Amino acid sequence: MPITAQQLLQILPNAGAKAGVFVPVLNTAMGRFQIVGSKRVAAFIAQIGHESGQLVYVREMWGPTPAQAKYEGRKDLGNSVPGDGFKYRGRGLIQITGRANYAECGEALALNLINQPELLEQPKNACLSAAWFWATNGLNTLADAGDSEKITRRINGGLNGQADRLKLWTKATEVKLLLRILPYISAVLLVAAALFGAYRYGVTVMDDKWEAKWVARDEADAAASLRAGSF
């Protein structure tokens, strides 16, 4: 079942108005890459929520910090041209980073990310790139198993921000669980309302019957009194 803007805000309250912008493309991206079911959706939203500062950032904030300075020339990221570190800094809701990852993601999504890396800053592509990374790295399986630590390591390389990721995961799980049981609650309430209505109808009918009997009895008593007075 798709997530709503209201539910997304319950999990990521700092998203504000951006929740309404992201929710339709987020649902499309999750559907495309089989991020379905409460476990997968909760895990995915928790991770992208942390990575994007609750949908606030779709581009890595640049210092450069000492860690960012090391992006330059990193072979594991495919940064082979001077300036690649900055050009292919983290973008999208899960921070796709490095020339090689941009090339692979662009091919999968039919986007020219090598020449236009900023395309990943658009809400639709920010969601699709995150969902693509998630599915490509086997994170649906880990979400099914509830393995938060391994998911974080595959996204982050370590466990940076794990406390916040777990907090968001717990909240997302609560919201998705409520979403799953709401139809049952609604059904119970409908049945209860129907039973109460039937009970009220039965009471009303009984009241009407008793009232009719008392009226008939009063009328009979009155008639008897008149007959007694006539002698």
Protein backbone atom coordinates (compact mmCIF):
# COMPACT_ATOMS: atom_id res chain seq x y z
CA MET A 1 0.00 0.00 0.00
CA PRO A 2 1.47 3.42 -0.96
CA ILE A 3 2.60 5.75 1.79
CA THR A 4 0.79 9.07 2.16
CA ALA A 5 2.24 12.53 2.75
CA GLN A 6 0.73 12.53 6.24
CA GLN A 7 2.41 9.22 7.11
CA LEU A 8 5.71 10.41 5.65
CA LEU A 9 5.53 13.52 7.85
CA GLN A 10 4.90 11.36 10.90
CA ILE A 11 8.20 9.63 10.21
CA LEU A 12 10.14 12.63 8.87
CA PRO A 13 8.57 15.72 10.47
CA ASN A 14 11.39 18.02 9.35
CA ALA A 15 10.47 17.38 5.71
CA GLY A 16 7.62 19.88 5.94
CA ALA A 17 6.10 20.79 2.58
CA LYS A 18 8.66 18.62 0.78
CA ALA A 19 6.80 15.53 1.94
CA GLY A 20 4.01 16.38 -0.48
CA VAL A 21 6.51 16.90 -3.30
CA PHE A 22 8.35 13.64 -2.71
CA VAL A 23 5.57 11.22 -1.80
CA PRO A 24 4.21 10.49 -5.32
CA VAL A 25 7.65 9.95 -6.88
CA LEU A 26 8.79 8.06 -3.80
CA ASN A 27 5.89 5.62 -4.17
CA THR A 28 6.67 5.20 -7.88
CA ALA A 29 10.34 4.50 -7.18
CA MET A 30 9.58 2.01 -4.40
CA GLY A 31 7.11 0.17 -6.60
CA ARG A 32 9.54 -0.01 -9.51
CA PHE A 33 12.29 -1.56 -7.38
CA GLN A 34 10.08 -3.86 -5.29
CA ILE A 35 10.44 -1.92 -2.07
CA VAL A 36 7.05 -3.13 -0.93
CA GLY A 37 5.67 -4.39 2.35
CA SER A 38 6.00 -2.79 5.75
CA LYS A 39 9.52 -4.08 6.50
CA ARG A 40 11.11 -2.88 3.26
CA VAL A 41 9.32 0.46 3.19
CA ALA A 42 10.11 1.22 6.84
CA ALA A 43 13.81 0.38 6.40
CA PHE A 44 14.09 2.34 3.15
CA ILE A 45 12.42 5.49 4.47
CA ALA A 46 14.53 5.39 7.62
CA GLN A 47 17.75 5.24 5.61
CA ILE A 48 16.88 7.89 3.03
CA GLY A 49 15.49 10.00 5.84
CA HIS A 50 18.85 10.02 7.57
CA GLU A 51 20.92 10.39 4.39
CA SER A 52 18.89 13.40 3.20
CA GLY A 53 18.35 15.10 6.55
CA GLN A 54 14.65 14.16 6.31
CA LEU A 55 14.30 15.09 2.60
CA VAL A 56 15.96 18.48 3.11
CA TYR A 57 19.19 17.75 1.21
CA VAL A 58 19.57 16.08 -2.18
CA ARG A 59 23.19 17.18 -2.66
CA GLU A 60 26.10 16.57 -0.33
CA MET A 61 27.11 19.69 1.59
CA TRP A 62 30.62 20.55 0.51
CA GLY A 63 33.50 21.97 2.56
CA PRO A 64 35.48 20.21 1.46
CA THR A 65 35.99 18.27 4.65
CA PRO A 66 39.12 16.10 4.99
CA ALA A 67 37.02 13.07 4.00
CA GLN A 68 35.61 14.87 0.94
CA ALA A 69 39.06 15.97 -0.14
CA LYS A 70 39.96 12.30 -0.40
CA TYR A 71 37.24 11.76 -3.05
CA GLU A 72 39.64 13.18 -5.59
CA GLY A 73 41.47 10.43 -7.47
CA ARG A 74 39.75 7.56 -5.63
CA LYS A 75 39.87 4.56 -7.91
CA ASP A 76 37.08 2.72 -6.08
CA LEU A 77 34.76 5.63 -6.97
CA GLY A 78 36.06 5.82 -10.53
CA ASN A 79 37.22 9.42 -10.03
CA SER A 80 39.90 9.47 -12.71
CA VAL A 81 39.63 13.07 -13.96
CA PRO A 82 40.72 16.07 -11.88
CA GLY A 83 37.64 17.64 -10.31
CA ASP A 84 35.63 14.39 -10.27
CA GLY A 85 35.50 14.41 -6.47
CA PHE A 86 33.50 17.63 -6.40
CA LYS A 87 31.57 17.06 -9.62
CA TYR A 88 30.34 13.65 -8.58
CA ARG A 89 29.79 14.35 -4.90
CA GLY A 90 26.85 12.72 -3.17
CA ARG A 91 23.45 13.38 -4.74
CA GLY A 92 19.96 11.95 -4.48
CA LEU A 93 18.22 10.65 -1.37
CA ILE A 94 20.89 8.03 -0.77
CA GLN A 95 23.88 10.09 -1.91
CA ILE A 96 25.15 8.42 -5.10
CA THR A 97 28.89 9.28 -5.09
CA GLY A 98 31.72 9.02 -7.62
CA ARG A 99 32.02 8.93 -11.41
CA ALA A 100 31.65 5.14 -11.63
CA ASN A 101 28.46 5.09 -9.56
CA TYR A 102 27.01 7.99 -11.53
CA ALA A 103 27.73 6.14 -14.77
CA GLU A 104 26.13 2.91 -13.53
CA CYS A 105 23.11 4.68 -12.08
CA GLY A 106 22.67 6.77 -15.21
CA GLU A 107 22.69 3.70 -17.40
CA ALA A 108 20.08 1.99 -15.24
CA LEU A 109 17.78 5.02 -15.18
CA ALA A 110 18.46 6.19 -18.76
CA LEU A 111 19.94 9.49 -17.54
CA ASN A 112 23.08 11.23 -18.77
CA LEU A 113 24.54 11.68 -15.31
CA ILE A 114 28.14 11.93 -16.46
CA ASN A 115 27.41 15.20 -18.26
CA GLN A 116 24.51 16.27 -16.05
CA PRO A 117 25.13 14.96 -12.53
CA GLU A 118 22.73 17.59 -11.15
CA LEU A 119 19.81 15.58 -12.58
CA LEU A 120 19.95 13.53 -9.38
CA GLU A 121 18.84 16.59 -7.45
CA GLN A 122 15.38 16.46 -9.04
CA PRO A 123 12.82 14.79 -6.72
CA LYS A 124 11.93 12.03 -9.18
CA ASN A 125 15.54 11.12 -9.93
CA ALA A 126 16.58 11.54 -6.30
CA CYS A 127 14.02 8.86 -5.38
CA LEU A 128 14.74 6.58 -8.32
CA SER A 129 18.50 6.65 -7.74
CA ALA A 130 18.01 5.77 -4.07
CA ALA A 131 15.63 2.91 -4.89
CA TRP A 132 17.98 1.67 -7.64
CA PHE A 133 20.93 1.64 -5.23
CA TRP A 134 18.81 -0.12 -2.61
CA ALA A 135 17.70 -2.92 -4.93
CA THR A 136 21.08 -3.27 -6.66
CA ASN A 137 22.85 -3.79 -3.34
CA GLY A 138 20.46 -6.44 -2.06
CA LEU A 139 18.95 -4.25 0.64
CA ASN A 140 15.43 -5.59 0.20
CA THR A 141 16.63 -8.96 1.46
CA LEU A 142 18.37 -7.36 4.43
CA ALA A 143 15.25 -5.33 5.21
CA ASP A 144 13.17 -8.52 5.21
CA ALA A 145 15.63 -9.92 7.74
CA GLY A 146 15.54 -6.73 9.81
CA ASP A 147 19.34 -6.35 9.58
CA SER A 148 19.77 -2.61 10.11
CA GLU A 149 23.51 -2.79 10.70
CA LYS A 150 24.32 -4.47 7.40
CA ILE A 151 22.04 -2.07 5.52
CA THR A 152 23.82 0.92 7.04
CA ARG A 153 27.25 -0.50 6.26
CA ARG A 154 26.33 -1.04 2.59
CA ILE A 155 25.05 2.52 2.30
CA ASN A 156 27.53 4.36 4.49
CA GLY A 157 30.56 2.10 4.55
CA GLY A 158 30.41 2.22 8.36
CA LEU A 159 27.82 2.90 11.02
CA ASN A 160 27.77 6.69 10.99
CA GLY A 161 24.46 8.03 12.29
CA GLN A 162 23.21 4.57 13.22
CA ALA A 163 21.30 5.81 16.28
CA ASP A 164 19.29 8.23 14.15
CA ARG A 165 18.71 5.59 11.47
CA LEU A 166 17.34 3.19 14.09
CA LYS A 167 15.14 5.89 15.59
CA LEU A 168 13.63 6.63 12.18
CA TRP A 169 13.25 2.90 11.46
CA THR A 170 11.32 2.40 14.70
CA LYS A 171 9.04 5.31 13.88
CA ALA A 172 8.50 4.11 10.32
CA THR A 173 7.68 0.63 11.56
CA GLU A 174 5.09 2.03 13.96
CA VAL A 175 3.46 4.09 11.24
CA LYS A 176 3.43 1.22 8.73
CA LEU A 177 2.07 -1.18 11.38
CA LEU A 178 -0.77 1.23 12.08
CA LEU A 179 -1.40 1.44 8.34
CA ARG A 180 -1.68 -2.36 8.18
CA ILE A 181 -4.17 -2.66 11.05
CA LEU A 182 -6.32 0.36 10.21
CA PRO A 183 -8.54 -1.61 7.79
CA TYR A 184 -9.21 -4.15 10.54
CA ILE A 185 -9.99 -1.42 13.06
CA SER A 186 -12.34 0.20 10.57
CA ALA A 187 -14.08 -3.14 9.94
CA VAL A 188 -14.54 -3.73 13.68
CA LEU A 189 -15.96 -0.24 14.13
CA LEU A 190 -18.38 -0.76 11.25
CA VAL A 191 -19.58 -4.07 12.72
CA ALA A 192 -19.93 -2.47 16.15
CA ALA A 193 -21.91 0.41 14.65
CA ALA A 194 -24.17 -2.02 12.81
CA LEU A 195 -24.76 -4.10 15.95
CA PHE A 196 -25.47 -1.00 18.02
CA GLY A 197 -27.88 0.21 15.36
CA ALA A 198 -29.64 -3.14 15.36
CA TYR A 199 -29.79 -3.07 19.15
CA ARG A 200 -31.22 0.44 19.14
CA TYR A 201 -33.76 -0.57 16.53
CA GLY A 202 -34.75 -3.58 18.63
CA VAL A 203 -35.14 -1.45 21.75
CA THR A 204 -37.22 1.08 19.84
CA VAL A 205 -39.47 -1.65 18.46
CA MET A 206 -39.90 -3.15 21.93
CA ASP A 207 -40.63 0.28 23.38
CA ASP A 208 -43.26 0.85 20.69
CA LYS A 209 -44.83 -2.54 21.42
CA TRP A 210 -44.95 -1.92 25.16
CA GLU A 211 -46.34 1.57 24.60
CA ALA A 212 -49.08 0.14 22.36
CA LYS A 213 -49.93 -2.47 25.01
CA TRP A 214 -50.14 0.14 27.76
CA VAL A 215 -52.30 2.41 25.60
CA ALA A 216 -54.63 -0.49 24.84
CA ARG A 217 -54.76 -1.37 28.54
CA ASP A 218 -55.56 2.21 29.52
CA GLU A 219 -58.27 2.38 26.89
CA ALA A 220 -59.77 -0.89 28.16
CA ASP A 221 -59.72 0.38 31.76
CA ALA A 222 -61.41 3.60 30.70
CA ALA A 223 -64.11 1.70 28.83
CA ALA A 224 -64.70 -0.54 31.85
CA SER A 225 -65.06 2.48 34.09
CA LEU A 226 -67.64 4.00 31.78
CA ARG A 227 -69.63 0.80 31.74
CA ALA A 228 -69.54 0.57 35.54
CA GLY A 229 -70.78 4.14 35.86
CA SER A 230 -73.76 3.50 33.58
CA PHE A 231 -75.48 1.06 36.01
